[in-house]
Protein backbone atom coordinates (compact mmCIF):
# COMPACT_ATOMS: atom_id res chain seq x y z
CA MET A 1 -87.85 26.88 14.67
CA THR A 2 -89.77 25.98 17.81
CA LEU A 3 -91.52 22.72 18.68
CA THR A 4 -94.37 22.89 21.15
CA LEU A 5 -97.11 20.59 22.42
CA LEU A 6 -100.66 21.86 22.54
CA ASN A 7 -103.74 20.82 24.43
CA SER A 8 -106.52 21.99 22.15
CA ALA A 9 -109.14 21.45 24.84
CA PHE A 10 -108.15 24.92 26.01
CA PHE A 11 -108.22 26.49 22.54
CA HIS A 12 -111.08 27.01 20.19
CA SER A 13 -108.79 26.87 17.11
CA GLY A 14 -107.63 23.71 16.64
CA CYS A 15 -70.77 -9.76 20.02
CA CYS A 16 -72.66 -10.06 23.32
CA ARG A 17 -69.91 -10.24 25.91
CA HIS A 18 -68.19 -7.22 24.48
CA LYS A 19 -71.46 -5.37 24.62
CA VAL A 20 -72.02 -6.33 28.25
CA LEU A 21 -68.48 -5.27 29.12
CA LEU A 22 -68.94 -1.92 27.43
CA GLN A 23 -72.21 -1.31 29.25
CA LEU A 24 -70.58 -2.00 32.61
CA LEU A 25 -67.55 0.18 31.86
CA GLY A 26 -69.48 2.90 30.05
CA PRO A 27 -68.67 5.71 32.51
CA LEU A 28 -64.94 4.93 32.20
CA LEU A 29 -64.91 5.42 28.43
CA SER A 30 -63.97 8.87 27.24
CA ASP A 31 -64.83 8.27 23.60
CA SER A 32 -68.09 7.41 21.84
CA LYS A 33 -66.77 5.93 18.59
CA LEU A 34 -67.99 2.45 19.44
CA TYR A 35 -71.57 2.57 18.23
CA SER A 36 -70.95 2.91 14.48
CA SER A 37 -70.93 -0.41 12.62
CA TYR A 38 -71.18 0.93 9.06
CA ARG A 39 -68.38 -0.04 6.65
CA ARG A 40 -68.09 1.72 3.31
CA PRO A 41 -68.25 -0.53 0.22
CA GLY A 42 -64.77 -1.78 -0.69
CA ALA A 43 -63.27 -0.95 2.71
CA GLU A 44 -61.48 -3.62 4.69
CA PRO A 45 -63.36 -4.87 7.77
CA GLU A 46 -62.09 -3.71 11.14
CA LYS A 47 -60.21 -6.60 12.74
CA LYS A 48 -59.40 -4.89 16.04
CA PRO A 49 -61.74 -5.90 18.89
CA LEU A 50 -64.05 -3.23 20.19
CA TRP A 51 -62.51 -3.25 23.65
CA ARG A 52 -59.10 -2.31 22.20
CA SER A 53 -60.63 0.87 20.84
CA ALA A 54 -61.82 1.95 24.27
CA ASP A 55 -59.97 4.76 26.02
CA PHE A 56 -60.11 4.04 29.75
CA SER A 57 -59.99 7.05 32.03
CA PHE A 58 -60.41 6.53 35.79
CA LYS A 59 -60.69 10.27 36.48
CA LYS A 60 -63.40 10.67 33.88
CA GLY A 61 -65.25 7.73 35.41
CA ILE A 62 -65.26 9.42 38.83
CA ASP A 63 -66.47 12.70 37.32
CA VAL A 64 -69.26 10.95 35.45
CA LEU A 65 -70.30 9.09 38.61
CA LYS A 66 -70.55 12.38 40.52
CA THR A 67 -72.65 13.86 37.72
CA HIS A 68 -75.09 10.96 37.71
CA ILE A 69 -75.45 11.01 41.48
CA GLY A 70 -76.33 14.70 41.24
CA LEU A 71 -78.91 13.92 38.53
CA LEU A 72 -80.40 11.18 40.69
CA LYS A 73 -80.73 13.60 43.59
CA GLU A 74 -82.45 16.15 41.38
CA GLU A 75 -84.84 13.56 39.94
CA THR A 76 -85.78 12.39 43.45
CA GLN A 77 -86.54 15.94 44.55
CA ASN A 78 -88.63 16.62 41.46
CA HIS A 79 -90.56 13.39 41.95
CA LEU A 80 -91.56 14.51 45.44
CA ILE A 81 -92.85 17.82 44.05
CA GLY A 82 -94.94 16.36 41.23
CA PRO A 83 -94.79 15.19 37.59
CA GLY A 84 -91.78 16.71 35.89
CA GLY A 85 -90.93 18.67 39.01
CA ARG A 86 -94.15 20.71 38.85
CA PRO A 87 -97.06 20.75 41.29
CA LEU A 88 -99.93 18.49 40.27
CA SER A 89 -102.36 21.39 39.87
CA GLN A 90 -100.01 23.14 37.46
CA TYR A 91 -99.38 19.90 35.54
CA MET A 92 -103.08 19.13 35.10
CA LEU A 93 -103.97 22.63 33.85
CA GLU A 94 -100.98 23.01 31.54
CA GLN A 95 -102.11 24.25 28.13
CA THR A 96 -98.81 24.27 26.24
CA SER A 97 -95.35 22.83 26.76
CA VAL A 98 -92.29 24.00 24.84
CA VAL A 99 -90.23 20.86 24.32
CA TRP A 100 -87.53 22.12 21.94
CA GLN A 101 -86.41 25.60 21.06
CA PHE A 102 -83.22 27.03 19.54
CA ARG A 103 -81.64 29.84 21.52
CA SER A 104 -78.09 28.60 22.20
CA GLN A 105 -75.50 26.04 21.18
CA GLU A 106 -76.70 23.90 24.07
CA ASP A 107 -80.09 23.66 22.36
CA LEU A 108 -78.45 22.58 19.10
CA ASN A 109 -76.49 19.89 20.95
CA LYS A 110 -79.82 18.17 21.70
CA TRP A 111 -80.13 17.28 18.01
CA VAL A 112 -78.28 14.98 15.59
CA ILE A 113 -78.13 15.67 11.86
CA SER A 114 -77.39 12.99 9.30
CA SER A 115 -77.51 12.37 5.57
CA ASP A 116 -76.89 9.61 3.06
CA VAL A 117 -73.15 10.49 3.02
CA GLU A 118 -72.91 8.11 5.99
CA ILE A 119 -73.92 5.17 3.78
CA GLY A 120 -72.11 6.13 0.58
CA GLY A 121 -74.35 8.92 -0.74
CA LYS A 122 -73.47 12.51 -1.65
CA SER A 123 -75.97 14.60 0.32
CA GLU A 124 -74.75 17.08 2.93
CA VAL A 125 -76.55 18.71 5.83
CA TYR A 126 -75.53 21.26 8.47
CA LEU A 127 -77.19 22.91 11.47
CA LYS A 128 -76.39 26.28 13.03
CA LEU A 129 -78.04 29.03 15.03
CA GLY A 130 -79.98 31.64 13.09
CA ARG A 131 -79.78 35.40 13.38
CA ASN A 132 -79.96 36.84 16.90
CA ASN A 133 -80.07 33.30 18.27
CA GLN A 134 -83.82 33.15 17.70
CA GLY A 135 -83.95 29.98 15.63
CA ALA A 136 -81.98 27.22 13.94
CA LEU A 137 -80.93 27.05 10.30
CA LEU A 138 -80.81 23.61 8.70
CA TYR A 139 -79.11 23.76 5.31
CA GLY A 140 -77.12 21.65 2.87
CA THR A 141 -77.46 19.75 -0.41
CA LEU A 142 -79.86 16.93 -1.15
CA ASN A 143 -78.33 14.73 -3.86
CA THR A 144 -80.63 12.10 -5.34
CA GLU A 145 -77.98 10.52 -7.57
CA VAL A 146 -78.03 6.74 -7.19
CA PRO A 147 -74.65 5.37 -5.94
CA ARG A 148 -72.99 2.99 -8.37
CA ASP A 149 -71.07 0.83 -5.91
CA GLY A 150 -73.57 -2.01 -6.19
CA GLU A 151 -73.94 -2.26 -2.41
CA THR A 152 -75.62 0.91 -1.16
CA LYS A 153 -79.35 0.33 -0.77
CA TYR A 154 -80.61 3.74 0.36
CA SER A 155 -79.67 7.23 -0.69
CA GLY A 156 -81.07 10.71 -1.23
CA TYR A 157 -82.04 11.88 2.25
CA CYS A 158 -81.21 14.38 4.98
CA SER A 159 -82.56 14.24 8.51
CA MET A 160 -82.58 16.06 11.82
CA ARG A 161 -83.29 13.99 14.92
CA ALA A 162 -83.68 14.87 18.58
CA LYS A 163 -81.43 12.93 20.93
CA PRO A 164 -83.33 10.54 23.22
CA SER A 165 -83.71 11.89 26.72
CA LEU A 166 -81.63 10.11 29.36
CA GLY A 167 -81.88 10.22 33.13
CA SER A 168 -79.33 9.43 35.80
CA PHE A 169 -77.04 6.48 35.04
CA ASN A 170 -78.20 6.66 31.40
CA ARG A 171 -81.68 5.38 32.14
CA LYS A 172 -84.20 5.92 29.37
CA LYS A 173 -86.60 8.76 29.95
CA TYR A 174 -89.78 9.30 28.01
CA TYR A 175 -91.85 12.32 27.21
CA ASP A 176 -95.35 12.05 28.62
CA TRP A 177 -97.55 13.88 26.14
CA SER A 178 -100.80 12.28 27.25
CA ASN A 179 -102.14 15.69 28.37
CA PHE A 180 -101.80 17.11 24.86
CA ASN A 181 -103.37 16.35 21.52
CA SER A 182 -101.36 18.40 19.00
CA LEU A 183 -97.80 19.12 17.94
CA TYR A 184 -97.11 22.73 17.07
CA LEU A 185 -94.22 23.69 14.77
CA ARG A 186 -92.99 27.13 13.84
CA VAL A 187 -90.88 26.74 10.73
CA ARG A 188 -89.77 28.54 7.59
CA GLY A 189 -89.39 26.07 4.73
CA ASP A 190 -88.16 26.18 1.16
CA GLY A 191 -91.17 24.39 -0.33
CA ARG A 192 -89.60 20.96 0.02
CA PRO A 193 -91.81 18.26 1.61
CA TRP A 194 -90.73 16.86 4.96
CA MET A 195 -91.72 13.80 6.92
CA VAL A 196 -92.20 14.42 10.65
CA ASN A 197 -91.65 11.27 12.70
CA ILE A 198 -92.33 10.37 16.32
CA TYR A 199 -90.71 7.30 17.85
CA THR A 200 -92.22 5.72 20.93
CA ASP A 201 -90.37 3.11 22.93
CA PRO A 202 -92.24 -0.15 22.33
CA TYR A 203 -93.59 -2.50 24.94
CA PHE A 204 -92.53 -5.54 22.85
CA SER A 205 -89.27 -6.14 20.96
CA HIS A 206 -90.98 -6.94 17.66
CA GLN A 207 -92.27 -3.35 17.59
CA LYS A 208 -88.83 -1.74 17.78
CA ASP A 209 -89.07 -0.50 14.17
CA ASP A 210 -92.48 1.11 14.61
CA LEU A 211 -92.63 4.79 13.75
CA TYR A 212 -95.43 7.34 13.53
CA ASN A 213 -95.26 9.58 10.46
CA TYR A 214 -96.83 12.71 9.09
CA PHE A 215 -96.06 14.44 5.78
CA MET A 216 -95.58 18.18 6.10
CA PHE A 217 -95.61 20.53 3.12
CA PRO A 218 -94.30 23.91 4.30
CA ARG A 219 -94.52 26.84 1.93
CA GLY A 220 -91.41 28.37 0.47
CA GLY A 221 -90.61 32.01 0.94
CA PRO A 222 -89.31 34.43 3.56
CA TYR A 223 -92.16 34.15 6.07
CA TRP A 224 -92.48 31.97 9.14
CA GLU A 225 -95.25 29.40 9.14
CA GLU A 226 -97.11 27.91 12.08
CA ILE A 227 -98.09 24.28 11.59
CA LYS A 228 -100.36 22.47 14.01
CA ILE A 229 -100.45 18.67 13.66
CA PRO A 230 -103.01 16.68 15.71
CA PHE A 231 -101.48 13.47 17.03
CA SER A 232 -104.44 11.64 15.51
CA LYS A 233 -103.11 12.50 12.04
CA PHE A 234 -99.89 10.48 12.47
CA PHE A 235 -99.95 7.06 10.80
CA LEU A 236 -98.05 3.94 11.86
CA SER A 237 -95.27 2.47 9.74
CA SER A 238 -92.56 -0.14 10.27
CA GLN A 239 -89.30 -0.31 8.29
CA GLY A 240 -90.73 2.20 5.84
CA ARG A 241 -93.99 0.33 5.18
CA ILE A 242 -97.39 1.64 6.23
CA GLN A 243 -99.09 -0.93 8.43
CA ASP A 244 -102.57 -2.30 7.75
CA SER A 245 -103.33 -2.29 11.48
CA GLN A 246 -103.20 1.28 12.74
CA HIS A 247 -103.41 2.42 16.35
CA PRO A 248 -102.93 5.74 18.15
CA ILE A 249 -99.56 6.96 19.36
CA TRP A 250 -98.54 5.88 22.84
CA LEU A 251 -98.20 9.45 24.04
CA ASP A 252 -96.83 8.44 27.43
CA LYS A 253 -93.88 6.62 25.80
CA ALA A 254 -92.62 9.22 23.31
CA SER A 255 -88.85 8.93 22.92
CA PHE A 256 -87.76 11.37 20.22
CA LEU A 257 -88.85 13.28 17.14
CA TYR A 258 -87.08 13.85 13.85
CA GLY A 259 -87.62 15.36 10.45
CA PHE A 260 -86.73 13.57 7.23
CA SER A 261 -86.35 15.19 3.83
CA VAL A 262 -86.25 13.16 0.61
């Protein structure tokens, strides 16, 4: 599976203190188990403070600091060259841009897979490299049985989401897709419908749940399929509800993309 951006103009075919403390000491923490707040129905609430769960490592903090300084140096050099580290002439005439591909384990590490098992469901999903390291295989079991614990609200889904891009010192980075007008996918499906979603970082906090969606219906069978989705075909939703007021995607603020199967 490969995800590419196209510019069709060149083609004829179309608790607050604890949180502040953790942010300041982030580089010194060698574990990332602090972000999950889900508690299974019937389980006792965690009474231990978050800061007691942190594993402080001074050596790791120094190593992380060196890494971020190196990233900052690289970003500064690329900025002097041009957008994305490319000369302006090359950037302006760029016809395609391969954003995600699957050729190594490092490419797979850029994605997060999840299913309703995290909230009490029974679905399972896995991701691995395909044959000859020329693609990724997403497989598992989609279980639509309704949980009977009386607390679980959502179930029956599997998803694959790209990790948000981060710059030096964990600054948010965005994909600038304003030069392109289409998303190109090369996939091989099993006939199951998928929802393709693009999240853009909002300018205002009340828009944090906004998401742009498109329903994709890949054919089943052994053959690869090339799907081209114009950005104009994505529709705006918030918390799962299609909004009456629609507006185009902010292509200069794209944060991540993920697929959702139900």
